[in-house]
Amino acid sequence: MALIPAAVSAQETSSAMSFIDNAMSPRMSAMGGVSAALEADAYAQFGNIAGMAFSKGTFTAGISYEGWQPSAAGVNTGILGAAYRINDRFSVTLGASASFNRPYDITDEYGISSGQFTPKDWRAGAGVSFLVTESFSAGLGLNYASSSTAPGSDPLYTAFASLQFMYRIRNFSVSLAGNNLGIPVTSVSGEKFNIPMNGELAVSYSNVWGKHGLSAAVDGRMYFGSGIAAGCSIGTEYEFAGLAAVRAGYHFGAESDGLPSFASVGAGLNVFGVSIDAAYIVAAGSSPMKNTFSVGIGYEF
């Protein structure tokens, strides 16, 4: 229903704050950007709030570092995430990130340099999920984000929400979500910029055979607000004895719409509730995603 008015408004606005739509954990990155419909982890606030309602654990937290598009944008991002299952029905999630972009020289009207400025982006939010029935859950996340792009000017800022529903039957899960739902941000000059709002449909399968575990998911998104664009991710994870995992994925996007395509790989280790995860983006040619990587450590009980 939101697609029609969004397509009209796209004639008057452009997009901003794309960082709020980035994969926000090594596991997500390693699986091509898949987030919804999987087992929830410490970073559920960034794409799988409703999944926390099905979690078997009580508490999980993690911290990670991401080198985003090092050869193009050179963004360094620190990410924090946590989730807590209050009881059999209610769970809460928390998440925050801070990004430092590549600095640039500041020059006056005569071309004389007066130093450097480092653009900064950050976001923070909290969410709640509710297990409606044994097979159906709902999650709502509220977030705030800010982007400082030029010295001496007020930063862009916005508040936005994400709403997710998940249905699970046996080894299959289906997720439907509306992400980054918010109003356009306005610059000092009065120009309006839409945030990357999107609708998401994801399907996953998970199973365990003795010491072997397998998860796979397909995640499709339709972007609206600044023109219509679509992207799709597919990812898989193999786990052995709950101790070690290897992951791989692929994300397809239309380059003309600013959505790059790339492959991804990663691995994880889990010992006594402590997990270490890493991911690496494999992209061809001059793709801005080339050499993007992330590493993180977490704890769960």
Protein backbone atom coordinates (compact mmCIF):
# COMPACT_ATOMS: atom_id res chain seq x y z
CA MET A 1 0.00 0.00 0.00
CA ALA A 2 2.91 2.34 0.66
CA LEU A 3 4.41 1.85 -2.80
CA ILE A 4 2.02 4.15 -4.70
CA PRO A 5 2.44 7.34 -2.63
CA ALA A 6 6.15 6.60 -2.26
CA ALA A 7 6.59 6.48 -6.01
CA VAL A 8 4.95 9.90 -6.31
CA SER A 9 7.02 11.49 -3.55
CA ALA A 10 10.20 10.11 -5.11
CA GLN A 11 9.89 12.82 -7.75
CA GLU A 12 10.62 15.46 -5.09
CA THR A 13 13.18 13.86 -2.79
CA SER A 14 16.44 11.93 -2.89
CA SER A 15 17.87 9.33 -0.52
CA ALA A 16 20.03 9.79 2.56
CA MET A 17 21.30 7.83 5.57
CA SER A 18 21.87 4.61 3.64
CA PHE A 19 24.00 3.37 6.57
CA ILE A 20 20.87 2.47 8.55
CA ASP A 21 20.20 -0.30 6.03
CA ASN A 22 23.64 -1.97 6.18
CA ALA A 23 24.10 -5.50 7.50
CA MET A 24 24.98 -4.98 11.15
CA SER A 25 26.73 -8.17 12.26
CA PRO A 26 29.41 -10.56 10.97
CA ARG A 27 26.81 -13.32 10.65
CA MET A 28 24.48 -11.18 8.52
CA SER A 29 27.37 -10.01 6.34
CA ALA A 30 28.68 -13.55 5.84
CA MET A 31 25.26 -14.71 4.61
CA GLY A 32 24.82 -12.09 1.90
CA GLY A 33 22.98 -9.63 4.14
CA VAL A 34 20.24 -12.07 5.20
CA SER A 35 18.85 -11.12 8.60
CA ALA A 36 15.14 -11.86 9.02
CA ALA A 37 13.67 -15.36 9.52
CA LEU A 38 16.90 -16.78 10.99
CA GLU A 39 17.58 -17.66 14.62
CA ALA A 40 17.92 -14.35 16.44
CA ASP A 41 21.30 -13.30 17.84
CA ALA A 42 22.71 -10.31 19.73
CA TYR A 43 22.05 -8.04 16.74
CA ALA A 44 18.32 -8.82 16.43
CA GLN A 45 17.54 -5.09 16.73
CA PHE A 46 19.01 -4.60 13.25
CA GLY A 47 16.65 -6.87 11.34
CA ASN A 48 15.16 -9.78 13.29
CA ILE A 49 13.32 -8.43 16.34
CA ALA A 50 10.40 -10.86 16.04
CA GLY A 51 12.82 -13.78 15.87
CA MET A 52 13.91 -13.16 19.45
CA ALA A 53 10.53 -14.41 20.65
CA PHE A 54 11.51 -17.92 19.47
CA SER A 55 14.97 -17.84 21.07
CA LYS A 56 15.96 -20.75 23.29
CA GLY A 57 18.45 -18.62 25.24
CA THR A 58 17.79 -15.94 27.85
CA PHE A 59 20.40 -13.26 27.11
CA THR A 60 22.86 -12.49 24.34
CA ALA A 61 25.18 -9.54 23.69
CA GLY A 62 27.85 -8.74 21.14
CA ILE A 63 30.28 -6.13 19.88
CA SER A 64 31.72 -6.00 16.39
CA TYR A 65 33.84 -3.91 14.04
CA GLU A 66 33.17 -3.40 10.35
CA GLY A 67 35.42 -1.97 7.64
CA TRP A 68 32.75 -0.88 5.15
CA GLN A 69 33.82 -0.34 1.53
CA PRO A 70 37.49 0.29 2.49
CA SER A 71 38.66 0.96 -1.08
CA ALA A 72 35.79 3.38 -1.85
CA ALA A 73 34.16 5.01 1.18
CA GLY A 74 36.56 3.86 3.90
CA VAL A 75 33.95 3.71 6.68
CA ASN A 76 34.92 2.31 10.10
CA THR A 77 31.95 1.17 12.16
CA GLY A 78 31.59 -0.06 15.73
CA ILE A 79 28.40 -1.97 16.56
CA LEU A 80 26.80 -3.03 19.85
CA GLY A 81 23.83 -5.36 20.22
CA ALA A 82 21.96 -7.13 23.00
CA ALA A 83 18.73 -9.07 23.48
CA TYR A 84 16.97 -10.40 26.57
CA ARG A 85 14.03 -12.80 26.82
CA ILE A 86 11.99 -11.57 29.78
CA ASN A 87 9.67 -14.58 29.88
CA ASP A 88 8.04 -17.09 27.56
CA ARG A 89 6.18 -14.30 25.73
CA PHE A 90 8.15 -11.05 25.86
CA SER A 91 11.68 -10.17 24.72
CA VAL A 92 13.55 -6.88 24.35
CA THR A 93 16.35 -5.90 21.99
CA LEU A 94 18.92 -3.09 21.96
CA GLY A 95 21.32 -1.93 19.27
CA ALA A 96 23.67 0.96 18.50
CA SER A 97 26.32 1.77 15.92
CA ALA A 98 28.79 4.59 15.26
CA SER A 99 30.49 5.11 11.89
CA PHE A 100 33.48 7.29 11.04
CA ASN A 101 33.82 8.08 7.36
CA ARG A 102 37.02 8.93 5.50
CA PRO A 103 38.15 12.48 6.49
CA TYR A 104 38.44 15.22 3.89
CA ASP A 105 40.31 18.54 3.74
CA ILE A 106 38.56 21.77 4.70
CA THR A 107 39.51 24.72 2.49
CA ASP A 108 38.47 28.37 2.56
CA GLU A 109 37.38 30.53 -0.38
CA TYR A 110 41.05 31.02 -1.33
CA GLY A 111 41.77 27.30 -1.41
CA ILE A 112 43.83 27.36 1.78
CA SER A 113 43.48 24.26 3.93
CA SER A 114 42.33 24.78 7.53
CA GLY A 115 42.30 21.16 8.65
CA GLN A 116 40.23 18.06 8.12
CA PHE A 117 36.68 16.98 8.89
CA THR A 118 35.51 13.43 9.55
CA PRO A 119 31.85 12.75 8.67
CA LYS A 120 30.12 10.72 11.38
CA ASP A 121 26.97 8.60 11.42
CA TRP A 122 25.34 6.92 14.37
CA ARG A 123 22.13 5.15 15.26
CA ALA A 124 20.57 3.67 18.40
CA GLY A 125 17.35 1.89 19.12
CA ALA A 126 15.33 -0.54 21.20
CA GLY A 127 12.68 -3.08 20.35
CA VAL A 128 10.19 -5.49 21.85
CA SER A 129 8.87 -8.81 20.55
CA PHE A 130 5.81 -10.77 21.62
CA LEU A 131 5.05 -14.46 21.07
CA VAL A 132 1.37 -14.31 20.10
CA THR A 133 1.01 -18.09 19.68
CA GLU A 134 3.50 -20.95 19.68
CA SER A 135 4.04 -20.37 15.95
CA PHE A 136 3.51 -16.62 15.46
CA SER A 137 5.42 -13.61 16.79
CA ALA A 138 5.49 -9.85 16.26
CA GLY A 139 8.24 -7.32 16.85
CA LEU A 140 8.47 -3.52 16.89
CA GLY A 141 11.68 -1.50 16.90
CA LEU A 142 12.12 2.26 17.44
CA ASN A 143 15.34 3.94 16.32
CA TYR A 144 17.08 7.29 16.14
CA ALA A 145 19.86 8.16 13.70
CA SER A 146 22.07 11.15 12.98
CA SER A 147 24.50 12.01 10.18
CA SER A 148 27.08 14.82 10.31
CA THR A 149 28.47 15.49 6.84
CA ALA A 150 29.97 19.01 6.91
CA PRO A 151 31.74 21.20 9.49
CA GLY A 152 29.75 24.02 11.01
CA SER A 153 26.37 22.71 9.85
CA ASP A 154 23.65 20.97 11.80
CA PRO A 155 23.58 17.19 11.32
CA LEU A 156 20.75 15.38 9.62
CA TYR A 157 18.68 13.35 12.06
CA THR A 158 15.63 11.13 11.94
CA ALA A 159 13.51 8.74 13.97
CA PHE A 160 12.20 5.59 12.33
CA ALA A 161 10.51 2.31 13.12
CA SER A 162 10.64 -1.30 11.98
CA LEU A 163 7.70 -3.70 12.23
CA GLN A 164 8.12 -7.45 11.77
CA PHE A 165 5.87 -10.52 11.84
CA MET A 166 7.19 -14.08 11.85
CA TYR A 167 5.45 -17.42 11.44
CA ARG A 168 7.29 -20.64 12.25
CA ILE A 169 6.16 -24.18 11.47
CA ARG A 170 8.50 -27.10 12.11
CA ASN A 171 11.80 -26.28 10.40
CA PHE A 172 10.51 -23.39 8.29
CA SER A 173 10.09 -19.71 9.13
CA VAL A 174 8.46 -16.90 7.14
CA SER A 175 9.02 -13.25 7.98
CA LEU A 176 7.27 -10.13 6.70
CA ALA A 177 8.64 -6.74 7.71
CA GLY A 178 8.54 -3.03 7.04
CA ASN A 179 11.98 -1.50 7.70
CA ASN A 180 13.22 2.05 8.26
CA LEU A 181 9.72 3.51 8.26
CA GLY A 182 10.10 7.24 8.83
CA ILE A 183 9.60 10.70 7.43
CA PRO A 184 12.13 12.47 5.14
CA VAL A 185 14.97 14.41 6.74
CA THR A 186 15.54 18.07 5.88
CA SER A 187 18.93 19.73 5.42
CA VAL A 188 19.84 23.28 6.47
CA SER A 189 19.13 24.44 2.91
CA GLY A 190 15.62 22.99 3.12
CA GLU A 191 16.25 20.07 0.76
CA LYS A 192 14.42 16.86 1.66
CA PHE A 193 16.01 13.41 1.72
CA ASN A 194 14.16 10.12 2.15
CA ILE A 195 15.62 7.34 4.28
CA PRO A 196 15.87 3.81 2.74
CA MET A 197 12.40 2.50 3.61
CA ASN A 198 11.69 -1.02 2.40
CA GLY A 199 9.33 -3.96 2.64
CA GLU A 200 10.96 -7.34 3.28
CA LEU A 201 9.86 -10.94 2.80
CA ALA A 202 12.13 -13.73 4.02
CA VAL A 203 11.90 -17.53 4.19
CA SER A 204 14.32 -19.80 6.06
CA TYR A 205 14.91 -23.48 6.80
CA SER A 206 16.87 -24.89 9.76
CA ASN A 207 17.52 -28.43 10.90
CA VAL A 208 19.91 -30.44 13.05
CA TRP A 209 21.08 -34.03 12.39
CA GLY A 210 23.14 -35.26 15.30
CA LYS A 211 26.20 -33.02 15.40
CA HIS A 212 25.38 -31.35 12.09
CA GLY A 213 23.21 -28.28 11.67
CA LEU A 214 22.12 -26.47 8.52
CA SER A 215 20.34 -23.14 8.02
CA ALA A 216 19.44 -21.46 4.74
CA ALA A 217 17.42 -18.35 3.94
CA VAL A 218 16.20 -16.21 1.06
CA ASP A 219 15.51 -12.55 1.77
CA GLY A 220 13.90 -10.14 -0.73
CA ARG A 221 13.41 -6.39 -0.31
CA MET A 222 11.47 -3.74 -2.20
CA TYR A 223 12.67 -0.17 -1.59
CA PHE A 224 10.39 2.82 -1.88
CA GLY A 225 10.44 6.51 -1.10
CA SER A 226 13.19 7.55 -3.53
CA GLY A 227 12.05 5.58 -6.54
CA ILE A 228 11.36 1.86 -6.62
CA ALA A 229 14.25 -0.61 -6.34
CA ALA A 230 14.59 -4.26 -5.35
CA GLY A 231 17.29 -6.50 -3.93
CA CYS A 232 17.59 -10.15 -2.92
CA SER A 233 19.91 -12.05 -0.59
CA ILE A 234 20.50 -15.75 -0.15
CA GLY A 235 22.60 -17.27 2.60
CA THR A 236 23.48 -20.56 4.19
CA GLU A 237 25.18 -21.71 7.39
CA TYR A 238 26.63 -25.10 8.35
CA GLU A 239 27.32 -25.74 12.02
CA PHE A 240 29.19 -28.64 13.61
CA ALA A 241 28.43 -29.75 17.17
CA GLY A 242 27.37 -26.22 18.11
CA LEU A 243 31.06 -25.28 18.16
CA ALA A 244 32.07 -24.13 14.67
CA ALA A 245 30.18 -22.67 11.72
CA VAL A 246 30.96 -21.77 8.13
CA ARG A 247 28.75 -19.38 6.16
CA ALA A 248 28.32 -18.14 2.62
CA GLY A 249 25.88 -15.95 0.75
CA TYR A 250 25.13 -13.76 -2.23
CA HIS A 251 23.35 -10.44 -2.57
CA PHE A 252 21.86 -9.34 -5.85
CA GLY A 253 21.04 -5.70 -6.50
CA ALA A 254 20.52 -3.50 -9.53
CA GLU A 255 23.64 -1.38 -9.92
CA SER A 256 21.59 1.34 -11.64
CA ASP A 257 19.56 1.71 -8.44
CA GLY A 258 22.64 1.94 -6.23
CA LEU A 259 22.30 -1.62 -4.92
CA PRO A 260 25.56 -3.49 -5.57
CA SER A 261 25.84 -7.26 -6.07
CA PHE A 262 28.40 -9.26 -4.11
CA ALA A 263 29.23 -12.66 -2.63
CA SER A 264 30.22 -13.25 0.97
CA VAL A 265 31.91 -15.85 3.17
CA GLY A 266 32.46 -16.18 6.89
CA ALA A 267 33.06 -18.41 9.88
CA GLY A 268 32.25 -18.61 13.56
CA LEU A 269 33.47 -20.33 16.73
CA ASN A 270 31.40 -20.86 19.89
CA VAL A 271 32.95 -22.13 23.14
CA PHE A 272 31.15 -22.04 26.52
CA GLY A 273 28.75 -19.36 25.27
CA VAL A 274 31.48 -17.11 23.90
CA SER A 275 31.33 -16.65 20.14
CA ILE A 276 33.83 -15.20 17.67
CA ASP A 277 32.61 -14.43 14.15
CA ALA A 278 34.10 -12.99 10.97
CA ALA A 279 32.87 -12.15 7.47
CA TYR A 280 34.43 -11.01 4.19
CA ILE A 281 32.78 -9.58 1.08
CA VAL A 282 33.91 -10.91 -2.30
CA ALA A 283 33.09 -8.43 -5.07
CA ALA A 284 34.31 -8.18 -8.64
CA GLY A 285 36.14 -5.39 -10.42
CA SER A 286 35.70 -1.89 -9.06
CA SER A 287 32.66 -2.69 -6.89
CA PRO A 288 32.56 -0.40 -3.82
CA MET A 289 31.80 -3.45 -1.66
CA LYS A 290 35.15 -5.03 -2.46
CA ASN A 291 37.18 -6.05 0.63
CA THR A 292 34.46 -5.09 3.12
CA PHE A 293 34.93 -7.18 6.27
CA SER A 294 33.63 -7.50 9.83
CA VAL A 295 34.68 -9.26 13.03
CA GLY A 296 32.90 -9.61 16.33
CA ILE A 297 32.72 -11.28 19.71
CA GLY A 298 29.65 -12.13 21.74
CA TYR A 299 28.27 -14.01 24.73
CA GLU A 300 25.03 -15.95 25.23
CA PHE A 301 23.37 -17.95 27.98
